[in-house]
Amino acid sequence: MGQPPVTPIDERAPNAAPSMLSRIVWRLLRGLYRLKGFRLVGMPPAIPKYILVGAPHTSNLDFIFFAGAVRKMGIRPRFIGKHTLFKWPMTRFMLDMGGMPINRSAPKGYVRSVIERIEAAEEMALVVAPEGSRSSDGRWRSGFYHIANGAGIPIVPVWFNLAERRGAVGEPVWPTGDFHADMARIAEFYSSAMPECDRFEVLTEQARGEVATPKAGSRTRGG
């Protein structure tokens, strides 16, 4: 037997029941979150659309923390995924987990493609790891900022300390179009929460324009 007919990749209907596999995975992630004793303080704003950024990204456990935290907050998280990851037989599972397929080589551009998906949605809690990789030196890629600015939605920062099993949600930062000024506000939140974290010292330097912002697809010093 061949594969089933290919259908366009799109959002699942709001009332569509999630697959059994996705329900099992989410339960496992929330169970691990509780088992590890993670604690999160604060809640995201009561608004329909925002970008949730998390840092520092230093371990695979970050994913367990974030996944458990968003479920605890009652959020249906969304994440950006390369469109090729959504091919059959993974299409339904990836969509049920919150995946949003984006063709990074689309003529309109990656940022514009994401903005259009946000504008078309009634609700969106888009989760982004702005450092890009665990080996980051602390600088953030700027794609999340341009998406938030273009879509007119706030950036909600979240820090987490895996050693202490705790984290917190910050106040939303509405982008003004001044990247460095807005990043300074975000860097202040992280530096105040974790002053001992070297990565946030670098983030502060980036906000001041003392170190360059990585280009899309580039690797930072630690990568």
Protein backbone atom coordinates (compact mmCIF):
# COMPACT_ATOMS: atom_id res chain seq x y z
CA MET A 1 0.00 0.00 0.00
CA GLY A 2 1.23 3.51 -0.78
CA GLN A 3 1.15 6.61 1.34
CA PRO A 4 -2.15 8.46 1.80
CA PRO A 5 -2.80 11.42 -0.48
CA VAL A 6 -0.76 14.51 0.34
CA THR A 7 -2.87 17.29 1.82
CA PRO A 8 -1.82 20.91 2.37
CA ILE A 9 -0.10 21.56 5.70
CA ASP A 10 -2.23 23.99 7.66
CA GLU A 11 -3.57 24.68 11.14
CA ARG A 12 -5.68 21.99 12.72
CA ALA A 13 -9.29 22.99 13.36
CA PRO A 14 -9.71 24.56 16.84
CA ASN A 15 -12.12 21.79 17.88
CA ALA A 16 -10.08 18.92 16.41
CA ALA A 17 -9.26 16.23 18.95
CA PRO A 18 -5.48 15.81 19.47
CA SER A 19 -3.92 12.51 18.55
CA MET A 20 -3.33 9.83 21.17
CA LEU A 21 0.44 10.14 20.69
CA SER A 22 0.46 13.89 21.33
CA ARG A 23 -1.69 13.47 24.45
CA ILE A 24 0.72 10.84 25.79
CA VAL A 25 3.78 13.00 25.08
CA TRP A 26 2.27 16.06 26.78
CA ARG A 27 1.36 13.99 29.84
CA LEU A 28 4.88 12.62 30.02
CA LEU A 29 6.39 16.09 29.75
CA ARG A 30 4.16 17.50 32.46
CA GLY A 31 4.89 14.45 34.63
CA LEU A 32 8.64 15.00 34.25
CA TYR A 33 8.17 18.68 35.09
CA ARG A 34 6.52 17.73 38.36
CA LEU A 35 8.99 14.92 39.07
CA LYS A 36 11.94 17.29 38.68
CA GLY A 37 10.33 19.70 41.14
CA PHE A 38 10.35 22.69 38.82
CA ARG A 39 8.66 25.86 40.07
CA LEU A 40 7.49 28.81 38.00
CA VAL A 41 6.40 32.20 39.30
CA GLY A 42 4.14 34.51 37.31
CA MET A 43 1.81 34.26 34.36
CA PRO A 44 1.86 35.64 30.83
CA PRO A 45 -0.46 38.58 30.06
CA ALA A 46 -4.15 37.98 29.50
CA ILE A 47 -3.94 38.94 25.83
CA PRO A 48 -4.51 36.71 22.81
CA LYS A 49 -1.11 36.97 21.08
CA TYR A 50 2.48 37.27 22.26
CA ILE A 51 5.94 35.76 21.85
CA LEU A 52 7.28 33.84 24.83
CA VAL A 53 11.10 33.89 24.93
CA GLY A 54 13.07 31.65 27.28
CA ALA A 55 16.70 31.81 28.40
CA PRO A 56 19.32 30.66 29.15
CA HIS A 57 19.23 27.62 26.89
CA THR A 58 21.94 25.36 28.33
CA SER A 59 20.48 21.85 28.57
CA ASN A 60 18.00 19.45 27.00
CA LEU A 61 16.10 19.76 30.30
CA ASP A 62 15.15 23.27 29.20
CA PHE A 63 12.56 21.73 26.92
CA ILE A 64 11.01 19.72 29.76
CA PHE A 65 10.87 22.83 31.95
CA PHE A 66 9.28 24.96 29.26
CA ALA A 67 6.84 22.30 28.11
CA GLY A 68 5.70 21.59 31.67
CA ALA A 69 5.50 25.27 32.52
CA VAL A 70 3.30 26.24 29.58
CA ARG A 71 0.92 23.37 30.29
CA LYS A 72 0.76 24.40 33.93
CA MET A 73 -0.12 27.93 32.81
CA GLY A 74 -2.87 26.56 30.58
CA ILE A 75 -1.19 27.78 27.41
CA ARG A 76 -1.33 26.04 24.07
CA PRO A 77 2.24 26.74 22.95
CA ARG A 78 3.19 27.18 19.33
CA PHE A 79 6.64 26.75 17.88
CA ILE A 80 8.16 27.39 14.48
CA GLY A 81 9.30 24.32 12.58
CA LYS A 82 10.87 23.77 9.20
CA HIS A 83 8.07 22.78 6.84
CA THR A 84 9.81 19.53 5.85
CA LEU A 85 9.39 18.23 9.43
CA PHE A 86 5.63 18.15 8.91
CA LYS A 87 5.57 15.51 6.21
CA TRP A 88 3.47 12.34 6.55
CA PRO A 89 3.38 10.39 8.84
CA MET A 90 4.41 13.13 11.34
CA THR A 91 2.04 15.84 10.10
CA ARG A 92 -0.74 15.39 12.62
CA PHE A 93 1.59 14.82 15.58
CA MET A 94 3.67 17.92 14.83
CA LEU A 95 0.57 20.10 14.47
CA ASP A 96 -0.98 18.67 17.64
CA MET A 97 2.21 19.46 19.57
CA GLY A 98 1.91 23.09 18.52
CA GLY A 99 4.15 23.10 15.48
CA MET A 100 3.76 25.86 12.91
CA PRO A 101 5.35 24.87 9.58
CA ILE A 102 7.30 27.65 7.90
CA ASN A 103 9.21 27.47 4.64
CA ARG A 104 12.35 29.47 5.43
CA SER A 105 13.13 29.87 1.73
CA ALA A 106 9.72 31.32 0.86
CA PRO A 107 9.95 34.34 -1.50
CA LYS A 108 8.17 36.59 1.00
CA GLY A 109 10.81 35.82 3.64
CA TYR A 110 10.86 33.89 6.90
CA VAL A 111 9.86 36.79 9.18
CA ARG A 112 7.00 37.92 6.94
CA SER A 113 5.72 34.33 6.71
CA VAL A 114 5.54 34.02 10.50
CA ILE A 115 3.90 37.44 10.87
CA GLU A 116 1.16 36.42 8.43
CA ARG A 117 0.48 33.25 10.42
CA ILE A 118 0.21 35.30 13.61
CA GLU A 119 -2.11 37.82 11.99
CA ALA A 120 -4.37 35.04 10.71
CA ALA A 121 -4.65 33.35 14.12
CA GLU A 122 -7.11 34.32 16.83
CA GLU A 123 -4.64 33.35 19.55
CA MET A 124 -0.90 32.76 19.52
CA ALA A 125 1.60 31.98 22.27
CA LEU A 126 4.69 31.55 20.14
CA VAL A 127 7.58 29.98 22.08
CA VAL A 128 11.09 30.94 20.96
CA ALA A 129 14.59 30.11 22.25
CA PRO A 130 16.32 33.29 21.00
CA GLU A 131 19.86 32.09 21.77
CA GLY A 132 19.42 29.52 19.02
CA SER A 133 21.48 26.74 20.58
CA ARG A 134 22.85 25.45 23.87
CA SER A 135 26.34 26.49 22.79
CA SER A 136 25.40 30.16 22.45
CA ASP A 137 27.69 32.75 23.99
CA GLY A 138 24.67 34.68 25.21
CA ARG A 139 23.80 36.82 22.21
CA TRP A 140 20.29 36.54 20.83
CA ARG A 141 19.25 36.26 17.23
CA SER A 142 16.91 39.09 16.25
CA GLY A 143 14.24 37.20 14.29
CA PHE A 144 11.84 36.99 17.25
CA TYR A 145 12.06 40.77 17.70
CA HIS A 146 11.30 41.58 14.07
CA ILE A 147 8.36 39.18 14.18
CA ALA A 148 6.96 40.79 17.33
CA ASN A 149 7.50 44.30 15.97
CA GLY A 150 5.97 43.48 12.60
CA ALA A 151 2.95 41.73 14.13
CA GLY A 152 2.49 44.38 16.83
CA ILE A 153 2.56 41.91 19.71
CA PRO A 154 4.59 41.91 22.95
CA ILE A 155 7.59 39.86 23.94
CA VAL A 156 7.16 38.01 27.25
CA PRO A 157 10.51 37.01 28.81
CA VAL A 158 10.93 33.89 30.94
CA TRP A 159 14.09 32.94 32.82
CA PHE A 160 14.81 29.56 34.35
CA ASN A 161 17.56 28.30 36.63
CA LEU A 162 17.87 24.55 36.15
CA ALA A 163 20.25 24.14 39.09
CA GLU A 164 17.64 25.57 41.44
CA ARG A 165 14.66 24.15 39.52
CA ARG A 166 12.89 27.50 39.34
CA GLY A 167 11.95 30.25 36.91
CA ALA A 168 9.76 33.30 36.46
CA VAL A 169 7.69 35.13 33.87
CA GLY A 170 8.46 38.81 33.31
CA GLU A 171 6.34 41.75 32.26
CA PRO A 172 5.56 42.00 28.54
CA VAL A 173 7.84 44.21 26.47
CA TRP A 174 6.03 45.92 23.62
CA PRO A 175 8.47 46.52 20.75
CA THR A 176 8.95 50.16 19.82
CA GLY A 177 11.06 49.58 16.72
CA ASP A 178 14.23 50.54 18.63
CA PHE A 179 15.92 47.14 18.87
CA HIS A 180 18.70 48.13 21.27
CA ALA A 181 16.43 50.07 23.63
CA ASP A 182 13.92 47.25 23.82
CA MET A 183 16.65 44.65 24.24
CA ALA A 184 18.05 46.69 27.11
CA ARG A 185 14.75 46.30 28.96
CA ILE A 186 14.78 42.56 28.33
CA ALA A 187 18.44 42.21 29.35
CA GLU A 188 17.76 44.09 32.59
CA PHE A 189 15.04 41.58 33.50
CA TYR A 190 17.36 38.62 32.98
CA SER A 191 20.42 40.19 34.59
CA SER A 192 18.43 41.15 37.69
CA ALA A 193 17.03 37.62 38.02
CA MET A 194 20.34 35.80 37.43
CA PRO A 195 23.21 38.27 37.99
CA GLU A 196 25.73 35.42 38.12
CA CYS A 197 24.91 34.24 34.59
CA ASP A 198 27.70 35.18 32.14
CA ARG A 199 25.35 34.85 29.18
CA PHE A 200 23.22 37.72 30.42
CA GLU A 201 26.29 39.92 30.71
CA VAL A 202 26.84 39.30 27.01
CA LEU A 203 23.16 39.98 26.34
CA THR A 204 23.53 43.34 28.08
CA GLU A 205 26.55 44.12 25.90
CA GLN A 206 24.51 43.20 22.82
CA ALA A 207 21.71 45.52 23.93
CA ARG A 208 24.24 48.35 24.20
CA GLY A 209 25.55 47.58 20.72
CA GLU A 210 28.97 46.55 22.05
CA VAL A 211 28.80 43.11 20.40
CA ALA A 212 27.17 42.31 17.08
CA THR A 213 23.79 40.64 16.80
CA PRO A 214 24.17 37.25 15.05
CA LYS A 215 22.75 37.05 11.58
CA ALA A 216 20.05 34.53 10.81
CA GLY A 217 21.57 31.07 10.44
CA SER A 218 24.95 32.10 11.85
CA ARG A 219 26.80 30.47 14.73
CA THR A 220 27.86 32.43 17.81
CA ARG A 221 31.27 32.23 19.43
CA GLY A 222 30.34 29.20 21.47
CA GLY A 223 28.75 27.37 18.52
